Amino acid sequence: METAERTGSAGLAASAGDAFVDSLTLTGRVGFFVLLGAAVVVTVLVPRNLDITKPSH
């Protein structure tokens, strides 16, 4: 943004802002799918009758 201000290029500033927003959007989507995948794996691997309140001894 500072470079855009120095050169007086409004298009460069707009492009930089759009690129920043796009990168955050992509990062958020990737994170969502990673967390969703982890939730599915845990749901599949943990037995349905597991009771963590009972001692295992």
PDB file of N, CA and C in Angstrom:
ATOM      1  N   MET A   1       0.819  -1.176   0.000  1.00  0.00           N
ATOM      2  CA  MET A   1       0.000   0.000   0.000  1.00  0.00           C
ATOM      3  C   MET A   1       0.876   1.258   0.000  1.00  0.00           C
ATOM      4  N   GLU A   2       1.964   1.204   0.732  1.00  0.00           N
ATOM      5  CA  GLU A   2       2.852   2.355   0.778  1.00  0.00           C
ATOM      6  C   GLU A   2       3.465   2.616  -0.598  1.00  0.00           C
ATOM      7  N   THR A   3       3.806   1.543  -1.291  1.00  0.00           N
ATOM      8  CA  THR A   3       4.373   1.697  -2.640  1.00  0.00           C
ATOM      9  C   THR A   3       3.350   2.323  -3.573  1.00  0.00           C
ATOM     10  N   ALA A   4       2.102   1.913  -3.432  1.00  0.00           N
ATOM     11  CA  ALA A   4       1.049   2.489  -4.275  1.00  0.00           C
ATOM     12  C   ALA A   4       0.885   3.980  -3.999  1.00  0.00           C
ATOM     13  N   GLU A   5       0.983   4.361  -2.745  1.00  0.00           N
ATOM     14  CA  GLU A   5       0.867   5.780  -2.404  1.00  0.00           C
ATOM     15  C   GLU A   5       2.039   6.575  -2.956  1.00  0.00           C
ATOM     16  N   ARG A   6       3.240   5.997  -2.865  1.00  0.00           N
ATOM     17  CA  ARG A   6       4.426   6.699  -3.375  1.00  0.00           C
ATOM     18  C   ARG A   6       4.364   6.896  -4.880  1.00  0.00           C
ATOM     19  N   THR A   7       3.887   5.884  -5.583  1.00  0.00           N
ATOM     20  CA  THR A   7       3.842   5.981  -7.044  1.00  0.00           C
ATOM     21  C   THR A   7       2.570   6.644  -7.545  1.00  0.00           C
ATOM     22  N   GLY A   8       1.593   6.813  -6.668  1.00  0.00           N
ATOM     23  CA  GLY A   8       0.344   7.442  -7.083  1.00  0.00           C
ATOM     24  C   GLY A   8      -0.539   6.516  -7.900  1.00  0.00           C
ATOM     25  N   SER A   9      -0.349   5.230  -7.750  1.00  0.00           N
ATOM     26  CA  SER A   9      -1.111   4.261  -8.525  1.00  0.00           C
ATOM     27  C   SER A   9      -2.282   3.731  -7.704  1.00  0.00           C
ATOM     28  N   ALA A  10      -3.467   4.225  -7.993  1.00  0.00           N
ATOM     29  CA  ALA A  10      -4.665   3.778  -7.282  1.00  0.00           C
ATOM     30  C   ALA A  10      -4.993   2.332  -7.657  1.00  0.00           C
ATOM     31  N   GLY A  11      -4.692   1.953  -8.883  1.00  0.00           N
ATOM     32  CA  GLY A  11      -4.955   0.579  -9.325  1.00  0.00           C
ATOM     33  C   GLY A  11      -4.120  -0.432  -8.571  1.00  0.00           C
ATOM     34  N   LEU A  12      -2.880  -0.070  -8.256  1.00  0.00           N
ATOM     35  CA  LEU A  12      -2.005  -0.960  -7.499  1.00  0.00           C
ATOM     36  C   LEU A  12      -2.538  -1.162  -6.082  1.00  0.00           C
ATOM     37  N   ALA A  13      -3.025  -0.112  -5.476  1.00  0.00           N
ATOM     38  CA  ALA A  13      -3.585  -0.216  -4.127  1.00  0.00           C
ATOM     39  C   ALA A  13      -4.830  -1.090  -4.129  1.00  0.00           C
ATOM     40  N   ALA A  14      -5.666  -0.922  -5.114  1.00  0.00           N
ATOM     41  CA  ALA A  14      -6.884  -1.730  -5.199  1.00  0.00           C
ATOM     42  C   ALA A  14      -6.536  -3.195  -5.432  1.00  0.00           C
ATOM     43  N   SER A  15      -5.564  -3.446  -6.293  1.00  0.00           N
ATOM     44  CA  SER A  15      -5.141  -4.826  -6.562  1.00  0.00           C
ATOM     45  C   SER A  15      -4.539  -5.470  -5.324  1.00  0.00           C
ATOM     46  N   ALA A  16      -3.760  -4.705  -4.572  1.00  0.00           N
ATOM     47  CA  ALA A  16      -3.157  -5.232  -3.348  1.00  0.00           C
ATOM     48  C   ALA A  16      -4.232  -5.564  -2.327  1.00  0.00           C
ATOM     49  N   GLY A  17      -5.219  -4.724  -2.190  1.00  0.00           N
ATOM     50  CA  GLY A  17      -6.312  -4.984  -1.261  1.00  0.00           C
ATOM     51  C   GLY A  17      -7.112  -6.211  -1.660  1.00  0.00           C
ATOM     52  N   ASP A  18      -7.397  -6.344  -2.945  1.00  0.00           N
ATOM     53  CA  ASP A  18      -8.134  -7.516  -3.435  1.00  0.00           C
ATOM     54  C   ASP A  18      -7.331  -8.798  -3.226  1.00  0.00           C
ATOM     55  N   ALA A  19      -6.028  -8.741  -3.473  1.00  0.00           N
ATOM     56  CA  ALA A  19      -5.182  -9.915  -3.286  1.00  0.00           C
ATOM     57  C   ALA A  19      -5.140 -10.332  -1.824  1.00  0.00           C
ATOM     58  N   PHE A  20      -5.099  -9.363  -0.925  1.00  0.00           N
ATOM     59  CA  PHE A  20      -5.083  -9.658   0.505  1.00  0.00           C
ATOM     60  C   PHE A  20      -6.385 -10.335   0.930  1.00  0.00           C
ATOM     61  N   VAL A  21      -7.505  -9.798   0.497  1.00  0.00           N
ATOM     62  CA  VAL A  21      -8.804 -10.376   0.846  1.00  0.00           C
ATOM     63  C   VAL A  21      -8.943 -11.775   0.253  1.00  0.00           C
ATOM     64  N   ASP A  22      -8.516 -11.956  -0.975  1.00  0.00           N
ATOM     65  CA  ASP A  22      -8.591 -13.274  -1.614  1.00  0.00           C
ATOM     66  C   ASP A  22      -7.728 -14.304  -0.881  1.00  0.00           C
ATOM     67  N   SER A  23      -6.547 -13.888  -0.428  1.00  0.00           N
ATOM     68  CA  SER A  23      -5.676 -14.826   0.276  1.00  0.00           C
ATOM     69  C   SER A  23      -6.276 -15.219   1.619  1.00  0.00           C
ATOM     70  N   LEU A  24      -6.895 -14.283   2.320  1.00  0.00           N
ATOM     71  CA  LEU A  24      -7.539 -14.617   3.590  1.00  0.00           C
ATOM     72  C   LEU A  24      -8.758 -15.517   3.373  1.00  0.00           C
ATOM     73  N   THR A  25      -9.487 -15.284   2.310  1.00  0.00           N
ATOM     74  CA  THR A  25     -10.640 -16.125   1.993  1.00  0.00           C
ATOM     75  C   THR A  25     -10.187 -17.552   1.723  1.00  0.00           C
ATOM     76  N   LEU A  26      -9.153 -17.716   0.930  1.00  0.00           N
ATOM     77  CA  LEU A  26      -8.635 -19.051   0.625  1.00  0.00           C
ATOM     78  C   LEU A  26      -8.116 -19.734   1.887  1.00  0.00           C
ATOM     79  N   THR A  27      -7.408 -19.003   2.719  1.00  0.00           N
ATOM     80  CA  THR A  27      -6.888 -19.574   3.961  1.00  0.00           C
ATOM     81  C   THR A  27      -8.025 -20.025   4.870  1.00  0.00           C
ATOM     82  N   GLY A  28      -9.065 -19.243   4.962  1.00  0.00           N
ATOM     83  CA  GLY A  28     -10.223 -19.614   5.769  1.00  0.00           C
ATOM     84  C   GLY A  28     -10.914 -20.854   5.254  1.00  0.00           C
ATOM     85  N   ARG A  29     -11.039 -20.965   3.948  1.00  0.00           N
ATOM     86  CA  ARG A  29     -11.681 -22.152   3.360  1.00  0.00           C
ATOM     87  C   ARG A  29     -10.843 -23.403   3.574  1.00  0.00           C
ATOM     88  N   VAL A  30      -9.543 -23.281   3.401  1.00  0.00           N
ATOM     89  CA  VAL A  30      -8.660 -24.435   3.632  1.00  0.00           C
ATOM     90  C   VAL A  30      -8.745 -24.865   5.095  1.00  0.00           C
ATOM     91  N   GLY A  31      -8.713 -23.910   6.010  1.00  0.00           N
ATOM     92  CA  GLY A  31      -8.830 -24.220   7.427  1.00  0.00           C
ATOM     93  C   GLY A  31     -10.146 -24.888   7.766  1.00  0.00           C
ATOM     94  N   PHE A  32     -11.215 -24.429   7.142  1.00  0.00           N
ATOM     95  CA  PHE A  32     -12.530 -25.037   7.362  1.00  0.00           C
ATOM     96  C   PHE A  32     -12.523 -26.497   6.955  1.00  0.00           C
ATOM     97  N   PHE A  33     -11.982 -26.790   5.788  1.00  0.00           N
ATOM     98  CA  PHE A  33     -11.986 -28.172   5.309  1.00  0.00           C
ATOM     99  C   PHE A  33     -11.047 -29.064   6.124  1.00  0.00           C
ATOM    100  N   VAL A  34      -9.954 -28.508   6.613  1.00  0.00           N
ATOM    101  CA  VAL A  34      -9.059 -29.285   7.488  1.00  0.00           C
ATOM    102  C   VAL A  34      -9.778 -29.641   8.782  1.00  0.00           C
ATOM    103  N   LEU A  35     -10.449 -28.672   9.383  1.00  0.00           N
ATOM    104  CA  LEU A  35     -11.190 -28.940  10.617  1.00  0.00           C
ATOM    105  C   LEU A  35     -12.353 -29.896  10.380  1.00  0.00           C
ATOM    106  N   LEU A  36     -13.036 -29.742   9.269  1.00  0.00           N
ATOM    107  CA  LEU A  36     -14.131 -30.647   8.933  1.00  0.00           C
ATOM    108  C   LEU A  36     -13.608 -32.071   8.764  1.00  0.00           C
ATOM    109  N   GLY A  37     -12.487 -32.219   8.085  1.00  0.00           N
ATOM    110  CA  GLY A  37     -11.878 -33.539   7.909  1.00  0.00           C
ATOM    111  C   GLY A  37     -11.475 -34.158   9.236  1.00  0.00           C
ATOM    112  N   ALA A  38     -10.910 -33.355  10.125  1.00  0.00           N
ATOM    113  CA  ALA A  38     -10.522 -33.866  11.444  1.00  0.00           C
ATOM    114  C   ALA A  38     -11.753 -34.302  12.231  1.00  0.00           C
ATOM    115  N   ALA A  39     -12.824 -33.553  12.140  1.00  0.00           N
ATOM    116  CA  ALA A  39     -14.055 -33.921  12.848  1.00  0.00           C
ATOM    117  C   ALA A  39     -14.624 -35.233  12.317  1.00  0.00           C
ATOM    118  N   VAL A  40     -14.575 -35.420  11.022  1.00  0.00           N
ATOM    119  CA  VAL A  40     -15.069 -36.667  10.431  1.00  0.00           C
ATOM    120  C   VAL A  40     -14.212 -37.843  10.877  1.00  0.00           C
ATOM    121  N   VAL A  41     -12.904 -37.678  10.866  1.00  0.00           N
ATOM    122  CA  VAL A  41     -11.999 -38.755  11.277  1.00  0.00           C
ATOM    123  C   VAL A  41     -12.245 -39.123  12.739  1.00  0.00           C
ATOM    124  N   VAL A  42     -12.375 -38.142  13.607  1.00  0.00           N
ATOM    125  CA  VAL A  42     -12.629 -38.420  15.023  1.00  0.00           C
ATOM    126  C   VAL A  42     -13.973 -39.116  15.189  1.00  0.00           C
ATOM    127  N   THR A  43     -14.984 -38.671  14.481  1.00  0.00           N
ATOM    128  CA  THR A  43     -16.310 -39.285  14.571  1.00  0.00           C
ATOM    129  C   THR A  43     -16.271 -40.740  14.132  1.00  0.00           C
ATOM    130  N   VAL A  44     -15.513 -41.032  13.105  1.00  0.00           N
ATOM    131  CA  VAL A  44     -15.436 -42.400  12.600  1.00  0.00           C
ATOM    132  C   VAL A  44     -14.615 -43.293  13.523  1.00  0.00           C
ATOM    133  N   LEU A  45     -13.543 -42.774  14.094  1.00  0.00           N
ATOM    134  CA  LEU A  45     -12.626 -43.604  14.864  1.00  0.00           C
ATOM    135  C   LEU A  45     -13.043 -43.836  16.324  1.00  0.00           C
ATOM    136  N   VAL A  46     -13.782 -42.910  16.911  1.00  0.00           N
ATOM    137  CA  VAL A  46     -14.160 -43.050  18.320  1.00  0.00           C
ATOM    138  C   VAL A  46     -15.389 -43.957  18.412  1.00  0.00           C
ATOM    139  N   PRO A  47     -15.315 -44.994  19.261  1.00  0.00           N
ATOM    140  CA  PRO A  47     -16.467 -45.891  19.404  1.00  0.00           C
ATOM    141  C   PRO A  47     -17.693 -45.152  19.949  1.00  0.00           C
ATOM    142  N   ARG A  48     -18.868 -45.543  19.486  1.00  0.00           N
ATOM    143  CA  ARG A  48     -20.099 -44.867  19.907  1.00  0.00           C
ATOM    144  C   ARG A  48     -20.406 -45.093  21.380  1.00  0.00           C
ATOM    145  N   ASN A  49     -20.016 -46.224  21.933  1.00  0.00           N
ATOM    146  CA  ASN A  49     -20.337 -46.518  23.325  1.00  0.00           C
ATOM    147  C   ASN A  49     -19.233 -46.072  24.291  1.00  0.00           C
ATOM    148  N   LEU A  50     -18.337 -45.235  23.868  1.00  0.00           N
ATOM    149  CA  LEU A  50     -17.248 -44.757  24.725  1.00  0.00           C
ATOM    150  C   LEU A  50     -17.801 -43.846  25.808  1.00  0.00           C
ATOM    151  N   ASP A  51     -17.461 -44.154  27.047  1.00  0.00           N
ATOM    152  CA  ASP A  51     -17.877 -43.344  28.187  1.00  0.00           C
ATOM    153  C   ASP A  51     -16.630 -42.899  28.928  1.00  0.00           C
ATOM    154  N   ILE A  52     -16.287 -41.625  28.825  1.00  0.00           N
ATOM    155  CA  ILE A  52     -15.048 -41.148  29.433  1.00  0.00           C
ATOM    156  C   ILE A  52     -15.194 -40.883  30.925  1.00  0.00           C
ATOM    157  N   THR A  53     -16.407 -41.028  31.479  1.00  0.00           N
ATOM    158  CA  THR A  53     -16.603 -40.801  32.910  1.00  0.00           C
ATOM    159  C   THR A  53     -16.295 -42.033  33.743  1.00  0.00           C
ATOM    160  N   LYS A  54     -16.231 -43.213  33.130  1.00  0.00           N
ATOM    161  CA  LYS A  54     -15.932 -44.449  33.859  1.00  0.00           C
ATOM    162  C   LYS A  54     -14.435 -44.683  33.875  1.00  0.00           C
ATOM    163  N   PRO A  55     -13.913 -45.137  35.020  1.00  0.00           N
ATOM    164  CA  PRO A  55     -12.478 -45.447  35.075  1.00  0.00           C
ATOM    165  C   PRO A  55     -12.151 -46.638  34.161  1.00  0.00           C
ATOM    166  N   SER A  56     -10.979 -46.614  33.590  1.00  0.00           N
ATOM    167  CA  SER A  56     -10.600 -47.678  32.657  1.00  0.00           C
ATOM    168  C   SER A  56      -9.911 -48.848  33.345  1.00  0.00           C
ATOM    169  N   HIS A  57      -9.650 -48.772  34.644  1.00  0.00           N
ATOM    170  CA  HIS A  57      -8.948 -49.845  35.350  1.00  0.00           C
ATOM    171  C   HIS A  57      -9.869 -51.002  35.596  1.00  0.00           C
TER     172      HIS A  57
END
